[in-house]
Protein backbone atom coordinates (compact mmCIF):
# COMPACT_ATOMS: atom_id res chain seq x y z
CA MET A 1 45.35 143.59 116.33
CA GLU A 2 46.28 147.35 115.78
CA LEU A 3 49.19 149.01 114.92
CA ASP A 4 49.55 152.56 116.86
CA GLU A 5 51.81 155.44 115.80
CA ASN A 6 54.86 154.57 117.73
CA THR A 7 54.68 150.41 116.55
CA ALA A 8 55.01 151.70 113.04
CA CYS A 9 57.59 153.86 113.79
CA GLU A 10 59.79 151.70 115.97
CA HIS A 11 59.62 149.80 112.38
CA SER A 12 60.72 151.83 110.17
CA ASP A 13 63.76 152.68 112.21
CA ILE A 14 64.78 149.16 112.69
CA GLN A 15 63.92 148.73 108.77
CA ARG A 16 66.28 151.76 108.35
CA GLN A 17 68.92 150.72 110.53
CA LEU A 18 69.12 147.11 108.86
CA GLU A 19 69.13 148.38 105.69
CA HIS A 20 72.49 150.78 106.88
CA ARG A 21 73.88 147.84 108.32
CA GLU A 22 73.44 145.65 105.10
CA LEU A 23 75.02 148.97 103.00
CA VAL A 24 77.93 149.44 105.13
CA GLU A 25 79.07 145.91 104.31
CA ILE A 26 78.32 145.83 100.71
CA VAL A 27 80.56 149.33 100.65
CA SER A 28 83.13 147.42 103.05
CA ARG A 29 83.27 143.77 100.36
CA VAL A 30 84.03 146.28 97.98
CA LEU A 31 86.48 147.89 99.51
CA THR A 32 88.24 144.69 100.27
CA LYS A 33 88.03 143.83 96.47
CA MET A 34 89.38 147.11 95.19
CA PRO A 35 93.27 147.75 94.02
CA VAL A 36 94.96 148.77 97.62
CA LEU A 37 96.02 152.40 96.23
CA ARG A 38 92.78 152.75 94.84
CA ARG A 39 91.10 151.90 98.35
CA LYS A 40 93.37 153.38 100.29
CA VAL A 41 93.62 157.07 98.16
CA PHE A 42 89.25 156.69 98.44
CA VAL A 43 89.47 156.53 102.20
CA SER A 44 92.41 159.06 102.31
CA ARG A 45 89.21 161.72 100.06
CA ARG A 46 86.40 160.29 101.26
CA VAL A 47 86.52 159.52 104.59
CA HIS A 48 89.44 161.14 106.20
CA GLY A 49 88.56 164.47 103.68
CA LEU A 50 91.98 164.70 102.37
CA SER A 51 92.23 167.48 99.28
CA SER A 52 93.26 166.23 96.18
CA LYS A 53 96.66 167.70 96.47
CA GLU A 54 96.79 166.24 100.54
CA ALA A 55 96.09 162.95 99.17
CA ALA A 56 98.64 163.33 96.38
CA GLY A 57 101.76 163.93 98.77
CA GLU A 58 100.44 161.23 100.62
CA PHE A 59 100.40 159.00 98.23
CA GLY A 60 103.20 160.30 95.47
CA LEU A 61 100.96 160.77 93.13
CA THR A 62 99.62 163.90 91.27
CA PRO A 63 96.40 165.48 92.26
CA GLY A 64 94.70 163.91 88.39
CA ALA A 65 96.09 160.57 89.17
CA VAL A 66 93.86 161.11 92.79
CA ASP A 67 91.01 161.89 91.03
CA MET A 68 91.14 158.87 88.55
CA HIS A 69 91.67 156.78 91.75
CA VAL A 70 88.18 158.01 93.79
CA ALA A 71 86.14 157.66 90.46
CA ARG A 72 87.46 154.72 90.05
CA ALA A 73 86.28 153.85 93.62
CA VAL A 74 82.75 155.30 93.09
CA LEU A 75 82.13 153.11 89.65
CA ASP A 76 82.86 150.25 92.03
CA LEU A 77 80.02 150.77 94.14
CA HIS A 78 78.18 152.08 91.84
CA ARG A 79 78.35 148.90 90.11
CA ALA A 80 78.06 147.06 92.69
CA MET A 81 75.03 148.68 93.97
CA GLU A 82 73.31 148.09 91.14
CA LEU A 83 74.28 144.45 90.59
CA ILE A 84 72.47 144.39 94.18
CA GLU A 85 69.41 145.58 92.60
CA LYS A 86 69.33 143.94 90.06
CA ARG A 87 68.99 140.78 92.06
CA ALA A 88 66.32 142.29 94.34
CA ASP A 89 64.54 142.70 91.17
CA VAL A 90 64.27 139.39 90.69
């Protein structure tokens, strides 16, 4: 059976959708395991687009503390992705 270009393209799209769904699930799991304040600060900055100053006012923190929470959240996400990549290599 020979695959035409459209079939290969559809397969590629499905693969991308599955990978995206898996990534969303991973991020969601990591976010739920984060300390509550870290998660809220991260979401306010990276999802809702608040500035460090705006998030600081919302959470009663300094802009530097906001940046620290975001950096730690990003590190949590990177570590989770590294673990998943290592498992995939096995």
